[in-house]
Protein backbone atom coordinates (compact mmCIF):
# COMPACT_ATOMS: atom_id res chain seq x y z
CA UNK A 1 -85.32 142.90 7.30
CA UNK A 2 -81.56 142.61 7.37
CA UNK A 3 -81.20 138.90 6.52
CA UNK A 4 -81.45 139.28 2.71
CA UNK A 5 -78.45 141.64 2.75
CA UNK A 6 -76.51 139.31 5.06
CA UNK A 7 -77.18 136.42 2.69
CA UNK A 8 -76.02 138.51 -0.24
CA UNK A 9 -72.75 139.37 1.56
CA UNK A 10 -72.20 135.75 2.59
CA UNK A 11 -72.50 134.59 -1.03
CA UNK A 12 -70.28 137.32 -2.48
CA UNK A 13 -66.88 135.78 -3.24
CA UNK A 14 -65.40 139.26 -3.81
CA UNK A 15 -65.85 140.04 -0.12
CA UNK A 16 -63.19 138.86 2.35
CA UNK A 17 -63.68 135.47 4.00
CA UNK A 18 -63.92 136.87 7.54
CA UNK A 19 -66.64 139.33 6.49
CA UNK A 20 -68.51 136.50 4.78
CA UNK A 21 -68.17 134.30 7.87
CA UNK A 22 -69.50 137.09 10.08
CA UNK A 23 -72.42 137.54 7.70
CA UNK A 24 -73.16 133.83 8.00
CA UNK A 25 -73.05 134.07 11.79
CA UNK A 26 -75.42 137.05 11.95
CA UNK A 27 -77.67 135.50 9.33
CA UNK A 28 -78.06 132.53 11.66
CA UNK A 29 -79.01 134.88 14.48
CA UNK A 30 -81.20 137.32 12.58
CA UNK A 31 -84.09 135.56 10.94
CA UNK A 32 -86.37 132.58 11.10
CA UNK A 33 -86.95 129.85 8.54
CA UNK A 34 -85.78 132.07 5.71
CA UNK A 35 -82.35 132.27 7.35
CA UNK A 36 -82.23 128.49 7.69
CA UNK A 37 -83.00 128.11 3.98
CA UNK A 38 -80.35 130.72 3.15
CA UNK A 39 -77.71 129.01 5.29
CA UNK A 40 -78.62 125.66 3.76
CA UNK A 41 -78.21 127.12 0.28
CA UNK A 42 -74.73 128.42 1.17
CA UNK A 43 -73.71 124.90 2.23
CA UNK A 44 -75.27 123.27 -0.81
CA UNK A 45 -74.30 125.66 -3.60
CA UNK A 46 -70.76 126.72 -2.76
CA UNK A 47 -67.51 125.38 -4.15
CA UNK A 48 -64.22 124.30 -2.59
CA UNK A 49 -62.89 127.86 -2.55
CA UNK A 50 -65.77 128.65 -0.14
CA UNK A 51 -65.19 125.66 2.17
CA UNK A 52 -64.55 127.67 5.35
CA UNK A 53 -67.60 129.86 4.77
CA UNK A 54 -69.67 126.74 4.02
CA UNK A 55 -68.44 125.06 7.23
CA UNK A 56 -69.38 128.19 9.14
CA UNK A 57 -72.86 127.98 7.60
CA UNK A 58 -73.12 124.40 8.92
CA UNK A 59 -72.23 125.71 12.38
CA UNK A 60 -74.82 128.50 12.04
CA UNK A 61 -77.43 125.86 11.17
CA UNK A 62 -76.55 124.09 14.42
CA UNK A 63 -77.47 127.29 16.25
CA UNK A 64 -80.93 127.51 14.68
CA UNK A 65 -83.94 126.15 16.58
CA UNK A 66 -83.88 122.32 16.50
CA UNK A 67 -87.02 122.06 14.38
CA UNK A 68 -85.19 124.00 11.64
CA UNK A 69 -81.51 123.21 12.10
CA UNK A 70 -81.50 119.49 12.84
CA UNK A 71 -83.32 118.39 9.66
CA UNK A 72 -80.97 120.55 7.57
CA UNK A 73 -77.91 119.09 9.31
CA UNK A 74 -79.21 115.55 8.82
CA UNK A 75 -79.74 116.20 5.12
CA UNK A 76 -76.21 117.64 4.81
CA UNK A 77 -74.74 114.67 6.70
CA UNK A 78 -76.53 112.22 4.40
CA UNK A 79 -76.29 113.85 1.01
CA UNK A 80 -73.67 116.58 0.71
CA UNK A 81 -70.93 115.50 -1.71
CA UNK A 82 -68.15 117.20 0.28
CA UNK A 83 -66.81 114.92 3.06
CA UNK A 84 -65.65 117.84 5.22
CA UNK A 85 -69.15 119.33 5.25
CA UNK A 86 -70.71 115.95 6.08
CA UNK A 87 -68.18 115.55 8.91
CA UNK A 88 -68.95 119.03 10.25
CA UNK A 89 -72.71 118.37 10.13
CA UNK A 90 -72.23 115.08 12.00
CA UNK A 91 -70.14 116.83 14.65
CA UNK A 92 -72.81 119.45 15.31
CA UNK A 93 -75.56 116.82 15.25
CA UNK A 94 -73.63 114.96 17.96
CA UNK A 95 -73.59 118.12 20.06
CA UNK A 96 -77.34 118.57 19.67
CA UNK A 97 -78.40 115.49 21.65
CA UNK A 98 -81.51 115.51 19.47
CA UNK A 99 -83.25 112.11 19.16
CA UNK A 100 -83.29 112.47 15.37
CA UNK A 101 -79.50 112.84 15.39
CA UNK A 102 -79.15 109.77 17.60
CA UNK A 103 -81.32 107.82 15.16
CA UNK A 104 -79.08 108.93 12.31
CA UNK A 105 -75.96 107.78 14.18
CA UNK A 106 -77.59 104.40 14.89
CA UNK A 107 -78.51 104.08 11.23
CA UNK A 108 -74.99 104.97 10.05
CA UNK A 109 -73.32 102.65 12.55
CA UNK A 110 -75.57 99.71 11.70
CA UNK A 111 -75.18 100.00 7.94
CA UNK A 112 -72.53 97.57 6.66
C-alpha cells in the first residue's frame, strides 16, 4: 500500500509545497476510505502555513466517491474554523450536484 507514505509526505512541512500537493492528489486517487480519512485529517489538523495544501486536500476529497467525499465536504463546510477551507468545500459541493449538498445550501440560505 502506497497511501500511508503519501499521507506522511503530505503532512511533512519540511517537504516543498508542490511535492506535498502532489502527494495529496495521489493520495486521493490511490486508496479507499483510509485515503478519505487521511485527506480529512490534513484539512482538519493543519495550520495557516499549510493553507494551500489543505485546500488541495479539500479538492482531493471532492474527487473521492460521493459516499465518502460529500459527507466530509459537508462537515468541513459546516465546522471548519478556517473560512477559506469552508468556502472551498462549498465550491466543490456545488460542483457535485449531490442532493445532500443541495440540502446543505438550502439550509444555509434559509438560516437567518
